[in-house]
PDB file of N, CA and C in Angstrom:
ATOM      1  N   MET A   1      97.667  86.117  99.704  1.00  0.00           N
ATOM      2  CA  MET A   1      96.555  85.751  98.908  1.00  0.00           C
ATOM      3  C   MET A   1      95.351  85.753  99.834  1.00  0.00           C
ATOM      4  N   SER A   2      94.218  86.203  99.333  1.00  0.00           N
ATOM      5  CA  SER A   2      92.996  86.173 100.132  1.00  0.00           C
ATOM      6  C   SER A   2      91.846  85.663  99.279  1.00  0.00           C
ATOM      7  N   TYR A   3      90.891  85.062  99.939  1.00  0.00           N
ATOM      8  CA  TYR A   3      89.734  84.489  99.254  1.00  0.00           C
ATOM      9  C   TYR A   3      88.482  84.898 100.007  1.00  0.00           C
ATOM     10  N   LYS A   4      87.578  85.577  99.328  1.00  0.00           N
ATOM     11  CA  LYS A   4      86.335  86.018  99.946  1.00  0.00           C
ATOM     12  C   LYS A   4      85.309  84.896  99.810  1.00  0.00           C
ATOM     13  N   VAL A   5      84.997  84.244 100.925  1.00  0.00           N
ATOM     14  CA  VAL A   5      84.059  83.124 100.927  1.00  0.00           C
ATOM     15  C   VAL A   5      82.643  83.634 100.691  1.00  0.00           C
ATOM     16  N   ASN A   6      82.267  84.647 101.440  1.00  0.00           N
ATOM     17  CA  ASN A   6      80.973  85.316 101.261  1.00  0.00           C
ATOM     18  C   ASN A   6      81.096  86.732 101.820  1.00  0.00           C
ATOM     19  N   ASP A   7      79.978  87.441 101.965  1.00  0.00           N
ATOM     20  CA  ASP A   7      80.031  88.826 102.462  1.00  0.00           C
ATOM     21  C   ASP A   7      80.548  88.922 103.891  1.00  0.00           C
ATOM     22  N   LYS A   8      80.463  87.851 104.653  1.00  0.00           N
ATOM     23  CA  LYS A   8      80.838  87.869 106.068  1.00  0.00           C
ATOM     24  C   LYS A   8      82.233  87.306 106.347  1.00  0.00           C
ATOM     25  N   LEU A   9      82.769  86.433 105.476  1.00  0.00           N
ATOM     26  CA  LEU A   9      84.003  85.708 105.783  1.00  0.00           C
ATOM     27  C   LEU A   9      85.026  85.840 104.655  1.00  0.00           C
ATOM     28  N   THR A  10      86.265  86.217 105.043  1.00  0.00           N
ATOM     29  CA  THR A  10      87.387  86.265 104.113  1.00  0.00           C
ATOM     30  C   THR A  10      88.542  85.474 104.719  1.00  0.00           C
ATOM     31  N   LEU A  11      89.095  84.556 103.943  1.00  0.00           N
ATOM     32  CA  LEU A  11      90.235  83.753 104.383  1.00  0.00           C
ATOM     33  C   LEU A  11      91.485  84.244 103.679  1.00  0.00           C
ATOM     34  N   GLY A  12      92.622  84.167 104.364  1.00  0.00           N
ATOM     35  CA  GLY A  12      93.861  84.647 103.770  1.00  0.00           C
ATOM     36  C   GLY A  12      95.036  83.767 104.121  1.00  0.00           C
ATOM     37  N   ALA A  13      96.070  83.814 103.303  1.00  0.00           N
ATOM     38  CA  ALA A  13      97.313  83.089 103.548  1.00  0.00           C
ATOM     39  C   ALA A  13      98.474  83.949 103.064  1.00  0.00           C
ATOM     40  N   THR A  14      99.564  83.917 103.832  1.00  0.00           N
ATOM     41  CA  THR A  14     100.767  84.669 103.492  1.00  0.00           C
ATOM     42  C   THR A  14     101.976  83.761 103.667  1.00  0.00           C
ATOM     43  N   VAL A  15     102.907  83.811 102.728  1.00  0.00           N
ATOM     44  CA  VAL A  15     104.150  83.046 102.823  1.00  0.00           C
ATOM     45  C   VAL A  15     105.290  84.038 102.987  1.00  0.00           C
ATOM     46  N   ILE A  16     106.092  83.851 104.034  1.00  0.00           N
ATOM     47  CA  ILE A  16     107.247  84.698 104.310  1.00  0.00           C
ATOM     48  C   ILE A  16     108.506  83.898 103.988  1.00  0.00           C
ATOM     49  N   ASN A  17     109.436  84.500 103.259  1.00  0.00           N
ATOM     50  CA  ASN A  17     110.727  83.901 102.931  1.00  0.00           C
ATOM     51  C   ASN A  17     110.554  82.535 102.261  1.00  0.00           C
ATOM     52  N   PHE A  18     109.820  82.496 101.157  1.00  0.00           N
ATOM     53  CA  PHE A  18     109.535  81.226 100.499  1.00  0.00           C
ATOM     54  C   PHE A  18     110.776  80.586  99.881  1.00  0.00           C
ATOM     55  N   LEU A  19     111.864  81.331  99.712  1.00  0.00           N
ATOM     56  CA  LEU A  19     113.117  80.746  99.241  1.00  0.00           C
ATOM     57  C   LEU A  19     113.958  80.177 100.383  1.00  0.00           C
ATOM     58  N   ASN A  20     113.486  80.353 101.614  1.00  0.00           N
ATOM     59  CA  ASN A  20     114.139  79.847 102.828  1.00  0.00           C
ATOM     60  C   ASN A  20     115.588  80.326 102.946  1.00  0.00           C
ATOM     61  N   GLN A  21     115.821  81.606 102.676  1.00  0.00           N
ATOM     62  CA  GLN A  21     117.148  82.177 102.856  1.00  0.00           C
ATOM     63  C   GLN A  21     117.429  82.305 104.341  1.00  0.00           C
ATOM     64  N   THR A  22     118.692  82.223 104.728  1.00  0.00           N
ATOM     65  CA  THR A  22     119.026  82.254 106.150  1.00  0.00           C
ATOM     66  C   THR A  22     120.059  83.331 106.437  1.00  0.00           C
ATOM     67  N   GLY A  23     120.181  83.644 107.703  1.00  0.00           N
ATOM     68  CA  GLY A  23     121.252  84.498 108.168  1.00  0.00           C
ATOM     69  C   GLY A  23     120.908  85.955 108.323  1.00  0.00           C
ATOM     70  N   ALA A  24     121.625  86.577 109.213  1.00  0.00           N
ATOM     71  CA  ALA A  24     121.523  88.020 109.409  1.00  0.00           C
ATOM     72  C   ALA A  24     122.611  88.685 108.594  1.00  0.00           C
ATOM     73  N   THR A  25     122.370  89.916 108.189  1.00  0.00           N
ATOM     74  CA  THR A  25     123.383  90.638 107.437  1.00  0.00           C
ATOM     75  C   THR A  25     123.899  91.777 108.285  1.00  0.00           C
ATOM     76  N   GLY A  26     125.199  91.892 108.382  1.00  0.00           N
ATOM     77  CA  GLY A  26     125.801  92.981 109.133  1.00  0.00           C
ATOM     78  C   GLY A  26     125.813  92.719 110.627  1.00  0.00           C
ATOM     79  N   THR A  27     126.506  93.554 111.330  1.00  0.00           N
ATOM     80  CA  THR A  27     126.572  93.488 112.786  1.00  0.00           C
ATOM     81  C   THR A  27     126.541  94.914 113.327  1.00  0.00           C
ATOM     82  N   ILE A  28     126.279  95.016 114.596  1.00  0.00           N
ATOM     83  CA  ILE A  28     126.386  96.309 115.267  1.00  0.00           C
ATOM     84  C   ILE A  28     127.834  96.423 115.720  1.00  0.00           C
ATOM     85  N   ALA A  29     128.550  97.367 115.155  1.00  0.00           N
ATOM     86  CA  ALA A  29     129.992  97.479 115.377  1.00  0.00           C
ATOM     87  C   ALA A  29     130.339  97.526 116.857  1.00  0.00           C
ATOM     88  N   GLY A  30     131.196  96.634 117.270  1.00  0.00           N
ATOM     89  CA  GLY A  30     131.676  96.613 118.642  1.00  0.00           C
ATOM     90  C   GLY A  30     130.748  95.963 119.649  1.00  0.00           C
ATOM     91  N   SER A  31     129.580  95.537 119.232  1.00  0.00           N
ATOM     92  CA  SER A  31     128.615  95.009 120.190  1.00  0.00           C
ATOM     93  C   SER A  31     129.094  93.718 120.853  1.00  0.00           C
ATOM     94  N   GLU A  32     129.905  92.937 120.162  1.00  0.00           N
ATOM     95  CA  GLU A  32     130.386  91.695 120.759  1.00  0.00           C
ATOM     96  C   GLU A  32     131.573  91.920 121.691  1.00  0.00           C
ATOM     97  N   LEU A  33     132.111  93.143 121.708  1.00  0.00           N
ATOM     98  CA  LEU A  33     133.299  93.424 122.506  1.00  0.00           C
ATOM     99  C   LEU A  33     133.000  94.105 123.835  1.00  0.00           C
ATOM    100  N   ILE A  34     131.825  94.682 124.001  1.00  0.00           N
ATOM    101  CA  ILE A  34     131.556  95.434 125.230  1.00  0.00           C
ATOM    102  C   ILE A  34     131.176  94.494 126.364  1.00  0.00           C
ATOM    103  N   GLN A  35     131.510  94.915 127.561  1.00  0.00           N
ATOM    104  CA  GLN A  35     131.165  94.176 128.763  1.00  0.00           C
ATOM    105  C   GLN A  35     129.848  94.722 129.315  1.00  0.00           C
ATOM    106  N   LYS A  36     129.249  93.976 130.222  1.00  0.00           N
ATOM    107  CA  LYS A  36     127.956  94.363 130.780  1.00  0.00           C
ATOM    108  C   LYS A  36     128.001  95.750 131.428  1.00  0.00           C
ATOM    109  N   ASP A  37     129.076  96.050 132.160  1.00  0.00           N
ATOM    110  CA  ASP A  37     129.163  97.353 132.835  1.00  0.00           C
ATOM    111  C   ASP A  37     129.418  98.504 131.856  1.00  0.00           C
ATOM    112  N   GLU A  38     129.915  98.217 130.647  1.00  0.00           N
ATOM    113  CA  GLU A  38     130.140  99.246 129.641  1.00  0.00           C
ATOM    114  C   GLU A  38     128.886  99.553 128.817  1.00  0.00           C
ATOM    115  N   ALA A  39     127.873  98.728 128.932  1.00  0.00           N
ATOM    116  CA  ALA A  39     126.665  98.873 128.115  1.00  0.00           C
ATOM    117  C   ALA A  39     125.934 100.181 128.388  1.00  0.00           C
ATOM    118  N   THR A  40     126.108 100.763 129.564  1.00  0.00           N
ATOM    119  CA  THR A  40     125.421 102.015 129.887  1.00  0.00           C
ATOM    120  C   THR A  40     125.905 103.176 129.008  1.00  0.00           C
ATOM    121  N   HIS A  41     127.091 103.067 128.418  1.00  0.00           N
ATOM    122  CA  HIS A  41     127.604 104.119 127.522  1.00  0.00           C
ATOM    123  C   HIS A  41     126.764 104.222 126.251  1.00  0.00           C
ATOM    124  N   PHE A  42     126.034 103.171 125.921  1.00  0.00           N
ATOM    125  CA  PHE A  42     125.249 103.139 124.694  1.00  0.00           C
ATOM    126  C   PHE A  42     123.766 103.418 124.935  1.00  0.00           C
ATOM    127  N   LYS A  43     123.443 103.836 126.156  1.00  0.00           N
ATOM    128  CA  LYS A  43     122.056 104.165 126.474  1.00  0.00           C
ATOM    129  C   LYS A  43     121.602 105.344 125.611  1.00  0.00           C
ATOM    130  N   ASN A  44     120.348 105.264 125.114  1.00  0.00           N
ATOM    131  CA  ASN A  44     119.748 106.287 124.243  1.00  0.00           C
ATOM    132  C   ASN A  44     120.515 106.466 122.933  1.00  0.00           C
ATOM    133  N   THR A  45     121.132 105.401 122.443  1.00  0.00           N
ATOM    134  CA  THR A  45     121.850 105.421 121.171  1.00  0.00           C
ATOM    135  C   THR A  45     121.147 104.482 120.208  1.00  0.00           C
ATOM    136  N   TRP A  46     120.916 104.967 118.987  1.00  0.00           N
ATOM    137  CA  TRP A  46     120.276 104.128 117.969  1.00  0.00           C
ATOM    138  C   TRP A  46     121.293 103.138 117.424  1.00  0.00           C
ATOM    139  N   MET A  47     120.897 101.864 117.389  1.00  0.00           N
ATOM    140  CA  MET A  47     121.709 100.821 116.790  1.00  0.00           C
ATOM    141  C   MET A  47     120.784  99.982 115.925  1.00  0.00           C
ATOM    142  N   ALA A  48     121.272  99.522 114.797  1.00  0.00           N
ATOM    143  CA  ALA A  48     120.404  98.766 113.902  1.00  0.00           C
ATOM    144  C   ALA A  48     121.188  97.656 113.204  1.00  0.00           C
ATOM    145  N   GLY A  49     120.474  96.648 112.797  1.00  0.00           N
ATOM    146  CA  GLY A  49     121.020  95.565 111.998  1.00  0.00           C
ATOM    147  C   GLY A  49     119.919  95.054 111.089  1.00  0.00           C
ATOM    148  N   LYS A  50     120.258  94.206 110.158  1.00  0.00           N
ATOM    149  CA  LYS A  50     119.271  93.626 109.254  1.00  0.00           C
ATOM    150  C   LYS A  50     119.156  92.149 109.543  1.00  0.00           C
ATOM    151  N   TYR A  51     117.994  91.613 109.321  1.00  0.00           N
ATOM    152  CA  TYR A  51     117.801  90.189 109.517  1.00  0.00           C
ATOM    153  C   TYR A  51     116.809  89.683 108.483  1.00  0.00           C
ATOM    154  N   ILE A  52     116.780  88.378 108.323  1.00  0.00           N
ATOM    155  CA  ILE A  52     115.847  87.741 107.405  1.00  0.00           C
ATOM    156  C   ILE A  52     114.883  86.911 108.239  1.00  0.00           C
ATOM    157  N   ARG A  53     113.604  87.161 108.056  1.00  0.00           N
ATOM    158  CA  ARG A  53     112.612  86.374 108.795  1.00  0.00           C
ATOM    159  C   ARG A  53     112.647  84.933 108.336  1.00  0.00           C
ATOM    160  N   PRO A  54     112.407  83.986 109.215  1.00  0.00           N
ATOM    161  CA  PRO A  54     112.428  82.578 108.823  1.00  0.00           C
ATOM    162  C   PRO A  54     111.237  82.221 107.936  1.00  0.00           C
ATOM    163  N   PHE A  55     111.322  81.070 107.287  1.00  0.00           N
ATOM    164  CA  PHE A  55     110.224  80.586 106.464  1.00  0.00           C
ATOM    165  C   PHE A  55     108.993  80.432 107.344  1.00  0.00           C
ATOM    166  N   THR A  56     107.912  81.084 106.953  1.00  0.00           N
ATOM    167  CA  THR A  56     106.697  81.089 107.754  1.00  0.00           C
ATOM    168  C   THR A  56     105.474  81.061 106.855  1.00  0.00           C
ATOM    169  N   LEU A  57     104.488  80.277 107.245  1.00  0.00           N
ATOM    170  CA  LEU A  57     103.172  80.292 106.614  1.00  0.00           C
ATOM    171  C   LEU A  57     102.211  80.920 107.601  1.00  0.00           C
ATOM    172  N   GLU A  58     101.494  81.932 107.172  1.00  0.00           N
ATOM    173  CA  GLU A  58     100.540  82.605 108.050  1.00  0.00           C
ATOM    174  C   GLU A  58      99.148  82.500 107.440  1.00  0.00           C
ATOM    175  N   PHE A  59      98.190  82.112 108.244  1.00  0.00           N
ATOM    176  CA  PHE A  59      96.810  82.000 107.801  1.00  0.00           C
ATOM    177  C   PHE A  59      95.949  82.966 108.607  1.00  0.00           C
ATOM    178  N   SER A  60      94.914  83.514 107.964  1.00  0.00           N
ATOM    179  CA  SER A  60      94.050  84.455 108.666  1.00  0.00           C
ATOM    180  C   SER A  60      92.599  84.245 108.234  1.00  0.00           C
ATOM    181  N   ALA A  61      91.720  84.670 109.102  1.00  0.00           N
ATOM    182  CA  ALA A  61      90.283  84.668 108.816  1.00  0.00           C
ATOM    183  C   ALA A  61      89.729  85.998 109.303  1.00  0.00           C
ATOM    184  N   SER A  62      88.937  86.631 108.457  1.00  0.00           N
ATOM    185  CA  SER A  62      88.339  87.906 108.804  1.00  0.00           C
ATOM    186  C   SER A  62      86.819  87.757 108.737  1.00  0.00           C
ATOM    187  N   ILE A  63      86.182  88.074 109.848  1.00  0.00           N
ATOM    188  CA  ILE A  63      84.725  87.983 109.929  1.00  0.00           C
ATOM    189  C   ILE A  63      84.160  89.391 110.047  1.00  0.00           C
ATOM    190  N   ASN A  64      83.273  89.738 109.138  1.00  0.00           N
ATOM    191  CA  ASN A  64      82.667  91.071 109.130  1.00  0.00           C
ATOM    192  C   ASN A  64      81.206  90.955 109.536  1.00  0.00           C
ATOM    193  N   PHE A  65      80.776  91.855 110.420  1.00  0.00           N
ATOM    194  CA  PHE A  65      79.383  91.871 110.864  1.00  0.00           C
ATOM    195  C   PHE A  65      78.652  93.003 110.216  1.00  0.00           C
TER     196      PHE A  65
END
């Protein structure tokens, strides 16, 4: 949500994860099983997982000249 105070100032607010859901979904297969010296085998390999950002309130102010 944003609110234009005047031509020079705009205030904003954003709510992230307003339902306060928790937890990550999925895992990187085998990542918990490898040892430190084996990690080099995965160099330059794409790995991905999903996560949920925590409940956050973000406020902003934009000043235009």
